[in-house]
Amino acid sequence: MPSPVSLTELHQRLHRFEIEHAVRACMNRYMALCDVLDVNTPLEELAGLFTREAVWEGKGVKYADSFGGYRGREAIGAMFATYMKPPAHFVLNVHFLTSELIEVDGQGASGSWVMLQTSTFASGASHLNAARLTVRFAEEEGQWRMAHFQTENLFGRPVQAWNSDARLPVPNTPEQ
């Protein structure tokens, strides 16, 4: 028979779950904003997902060369602002996160994900990228924010256009 859990232990567990939820919500909002990165994206909100002294970095040969690194919320915001000038860099941009692991400890929280990104650019070219994201989070001003964001390319390749006007095949409907 399991031993009874103390009220203190229950509070600690609840606190950990609340942090995990806040971390997940921060990451989800970041991806949602990156999906619509254009002149209408709220840059202040996007940059505000990072701590004042945050680090954003591309890791590994491909992403270190392509993205480099940025230190501080203002520098990270300035990097994102380069994607927000007309015409929009992305015509279509969708991020998918999987293989989530969030850990909470006395120092804050960390998370890792595998990300799949499908993009079509203003040029008409399309690309498929997969990356491993490793992110450390910290509570700042009562909000959980990204303190160190690393993205490391797993693979990437050009592909044909993602979107098509072709009808979806649905059972019991005439094909067109």
Protein backbone atom coordinates (compact mmCIF):
# COMPACT_ATOMS: atom_id res chain seq x y z
CA MET A 1 0.00 0.00 0.00
CA PRO A 2 1.44 3.39 -0.94
CA SER A 3 2.32 5.66 1.91
CA PRO A 4 0.18 8.78 2.35
CA VAL A 5 1.39 11.96 0.66
CA SER A 6 1.83 15.03 2.80
CA LEU A 7 0.16 18.32 2.01
CA THR A 8 3.60 19.86 1.50
CA GLU A 9 4.50 17.21 -1.06
CA LEU A 10 1.19 17.79 -2.86
CA HIS A 11 1.92 21.53 -2.98
CA GLN A 12 5.37 20.82 -4.44
CA ARG A 13 3.90 18.54 -7.10
CA LEU A 14 1.24 21.09 -7.98
CA HIS A 15 3.88 23.82 -8.23
CA ARG A 16 5.96 21.64 -10.58
CA PHE A 17 2.90 20.99 -12.78
CA GLU A 18 2.14 24.72 -12.87
CA ILE A 19 5.71 25.45 -14.00
CA GLU A 20 5.54 22.72 -16.66
CA HIS A 21 2.28 24.23 -17.93
CA ALA A 22 3.77 27.74 -18.02
CA VAL A 23 6.85 26.46 -19.92
CA ARG A 24 4.66 24.60 -22.41
CA ALA A 25 2.45 27.69 -22.89
CA CYS A 26 5.52 29.90 -23.47
CA MET A 27 6.90 27.51 -26.08
CA ASN A 28 3.51 27.15 -27.74
CA ARG A 29 3.08 30.92 -28.01
CA TYR A 30 6.60 31.28 -29.41
CA MET A 31 5.85 28.75 -32.17
CA ALA A 32 2.44 30.29 -32.92
CA LEU A 33 4.05 33.71 -33.37
CA CYS A 34 6.87 32.27 -35.50
CA ASP A 35 4.23 30.61 -37.72
CA VAL A 36 2.90 34.06 -38.69
CA LEU A 37 6.14 36.03 -38.69
CA ASP A 38 5.39 39.13 -40.76
CA VAL A 39 4.78 42.88 -40.37
CA ASN A 40 1.69 42.19 -38.22
CA THR A 41 3.46 39.96 -35.70
CA PRO A 42 3.56 41.62 -32.25
CA LEU A 43 7.34 41.93 -31.90
CA GLU A 44 7.16 43.15 -28.31
CA GLU A 45 5.16 40.07 -27.32
CA LEU A 46 7.53 37.75 -29.19
CA ALA A 47 10.64 39.30 -27.63
CA GLY A 48 8.87 39.32 -24.25
CA LEU A 49 8.87 35.52 -24.26
CA PHE A 50 12.62 35.79 -23.49
CA THR A 51 14.30 36.96 -20.30
CA ARG A 52 16.13 40.30 -20.41
CA GLU A 53 19.52 38.54 -20.63
CA ALA A 54 18.39 35.57 -22.75
CA VAL A 55 20.55 33.80 -25.31
CA TRP A 56 19.16 32.59 -28.65
CA GLU A 57 21.56 30.48 -30.69
CA GLY A 58 21.84 28.27 -33.69
CA LYS A 59 23.89 25.22 -32.77
CA GLY A 60 25.93 22.94 -35.00
CA VAL A 61 27.60 23.79 -38.29
CA LYS A 62 24.47 24.48 -40.35
CA TYR A 63 22.50 26.56 -37.85
CA ALA A 64 25.47 28.31 -36.27
CA ASP A 65 26.41 29.56 -39.74
CA SER A 66 22.84 30.39 -40.80
CA PHE A 67 21.52 31.96 -37.60
CA GLY A 68 24.46 32.74 -35.34
CA GLY A 69 23.63 33.78 -31.81
CA TYR A 70 22.04 36.71 -29.98
CA ARG A 71 22.35 37.85 -26.39
CA GLY A 72 19.65 39.86 -24.66
CA ARG A 73 15.96 40.42 -25.32
CA GLU A 74 16.63 43.49 -27.47
CA ALA A 75 19.09 41.67 -29.74
CA ILE A 76 16.74 38.71 -30.08
CA GLY A 77 13.88 41.06 -30.95
CA ALA A 78 16.07 42.83 -33.53
CA MET A 79 16.86 39.46 -35.14
CA PHE A 80 13.14 38.64 -35.42
CA ALA A 81 12.44 42.13 -36.79
CA THR A 82 14.52 41.27 -39.86
CA TYR A 83 11.84 38.69 -40.76
CA MET A 84 9.03 41.21 -40.34
CA LYS A 85 9.79 43.59 -43.19
CA PRO A 86 7.60 43.58 -46.29
CA PRO A 87 7.42 41.54 -48.34
CA ALA A 88 6.99 38.77 -45.79
CA HIS A 89 9.90 36.31 -45.73
CA PHE A 90 7.48 33.40 -45.21
CA VAL A 91 4.39 32.78 -47.30
CA LEU A 92 3.71 29.62 -45.29
CA ASN A 93 5.47 28.62 -42.09
CA VAL A 94 4.30 25.85 -39.75
CA HIS A 95 6.19 24.43 -36.78
CA PHE A 96 5.41 21.01 -35.29
CA LEU A 97 6.84 20.04 -31.90
CA THR A 98 7.20 16.48 -30.66
CA SER A 99 9.27 14.35 -28.26
CA GLU A 100 8.69 16.85 -25.46
CA LEU A 101 10.55 16.54 -22.20
CA ILE A 102 10.20 19.23 -19.53
CA GLU A 103 12.18 19.02 -16.30
CA VAL A 104 11.77 21.28 -13.30
CA ASP A 105 14.50 21.65 -10.69
CA GLY A 106 15.70 24.16 -8.13
CA GLN A 107 17.39 26.23 -10.86
CA GLY A 108 14.27 26.69 -12.99
CA ALA A 109 13.08 24.50 -15.84
CA SER A 110 14.43 23.07 -19.07
CA GLY A 111 12.75 21.55 -22.05
CA SER A 112 13.70 19.68 -25.18
CA TRP A 113 11.69 19.06 -28.31
CA VAL A 114 12.15 17.81 -31.83
CA MET A 115 10.79 20.40 -34.24
CA LEU A 116 9.65 19.91 -37.82
CA GLN A 117 9.30 23.13 -39.81
CA THR A 118 7.57 23.37 -43.17
CA SER A 119 8.16 26.67 -44.96
CA THR A 120 7.45 28.35 -48.25
CA PHE A 121 9.32 31.59 -48.81
CA ALA A 122 8.40 34.76 -50.70
CA SER A 123 10.65 33.49 -53.50
CA GLY A 124 8.30 30.51 -53.96
CA ALA A 125 10.87 27.98 -52.75
CA SER A 126 9.80 25.52 -50.04
CA HIS A 127 11.92 23.83 -47.38
CA LEU A 128 11.60 21.10 -44.77
CA ASN A 129 13.74 21.33 -41.65
CA ALA A 130 14.00 19.25 -38.51
CA ALA A 131 15.80 20.54 -35.44
CA ARG A 132 16.41 19.61 -31.84
CA LEU A 133 15.40 22.43 -29.50
CA THR A 134 16.98 22.68 -26.08
CA VAL A 135 15.59 25.50 -23.97
CA ARG A 136 16.25 26.66 -20.43
CA PHE A 137 13.47 28.70 -18.79
CA ALA A 138 13.54 31.11 -15.86
CA GLU A 139 10.88 32.98 -13.98
CA GLU A 140 11.22 36.72 -14.48
CA GLU A 141 8.71 39.33 -13.35
CA GLY A 142 6.25 36.57 -12.42
CA GLN A 143 6.31 34.97 -15.89
CA TRP A 144 8.18 31.91 -17.16
CA ARG A 145 10.34 32.97 -20.11
CA MET A 146 13.06 31.47 -22.27
CA ALA A 147 16.52 32.15 -20.84
CA HIS A 148 18.62 30.08 -23.26
CA PHE A 149 17.22 28.85 -26.56
CA GLN A 150 19.25 26.47 -28.74
CA THR A 151 18.19 25.11 -32.11
CA GLU A 152 20.31 22.42 -33.76
CA ASN A 153 19.59 21.20 -37.28
CA LEU A 154 18.92 17.48 -37.67
CA PHE A 155 18.19 17.68 -41.40
CA GLY A 156 16.92 20.11 -43.98
CA ARG A 157 16.11 19.99 -47.67
CA PRO A 158 14.26 21.87 -50.37
CA VAL A 159 10.90 20.34 -51.31
CA GLN A 160 8.07 21.01 -53.75
CA ALA A 161 5.36 23.47 -52.73
CA TRP A 162 3.45 22.46 -49.58
CA ASN A 163 0.02 23.68 -50.50
CA SER A 164 -2.15 22.57 -53.40
CA ASP A 165 -5.60 23.49 -54.65
CA ALA A 166 -6.31 19.82 -55.40
CA ARG A 167 -9.41 18.41 -53.69
CA LEU A 168 -8.88 16.21 -50.69
CA PRO A 169 -9.75 12.59 -51.36
CA VAL A 170 -12.80 11.77 -49.25
CA PRO A 171 -14.68 8.44 -49.33
CA ASN A 172 -17.98 8.36 -51.26
CA THR A 173 -17.36 11.59 -53.20
CA PRO A 174 -16.70 11.88 -56.93
CA GLU A 175 -13.08 12.60 -57.75
CA GLN A 176 -12.41 15.74 -59.70
